[in-house]
Every structure is written in structure tokens, then in C-alpha cells.
Amino acid sequence: MTSILLAEPETSAAEELRARQALGLDDGPDIDALIPQPTAEDRRRFNALLRAIPALAQSMTIDMYKAKLINVQIVDTVKSA
């Protein structure tokens, strides 16, 4: 008696992986690497903000501050388009 292997239905993870490969999404640029390092101006503004609101020092890093600035730029760009 020959055994017949039945193809198992694809899981959603396998389908997603195939779709990502077909679209070439894994071959694109790493957008996290495109975020520039904080400049001296960013540091100066961040430190001024911390002096004005000392409680922020416990919850915000300069990287978080820079990310918020970038998000504001993105929103402004989308709104103006």
C-alpha cells in the first residue's frame, strides 16, 4: 500500500511569509536605520525642555524626543499633501 502525503493547509504565518517574499518587502531598506542621530541642536532643545519640565527626565530620552519630532514632521507633511 502506498502512502499518500496530504498537503497540510497553510498557516497564516506561512501565507504572510510567502506574501512578504513575493512582494519583496524583506529586501527593502531598513527604515529604522534612516533615523538620523540627534544633532547638537536637538540636544540643546531637549535639555531646555528638561529644564522647563524636570518630570520629563524620568520618562523621556533624547531618542524618544527625536522620534516625537520626526512624527510631528510626518503628520505635518501628510496634512499639507
Foldseek 3Di string as FASTA:
>chain_A
DDDDDDDDDDDVVRVVVVVCVVVVVVVDDDVVVVQDDDDPVLVVVVVVVCVVPVVCVVPDDSVNVSVVVVVVVVVVVVVVD
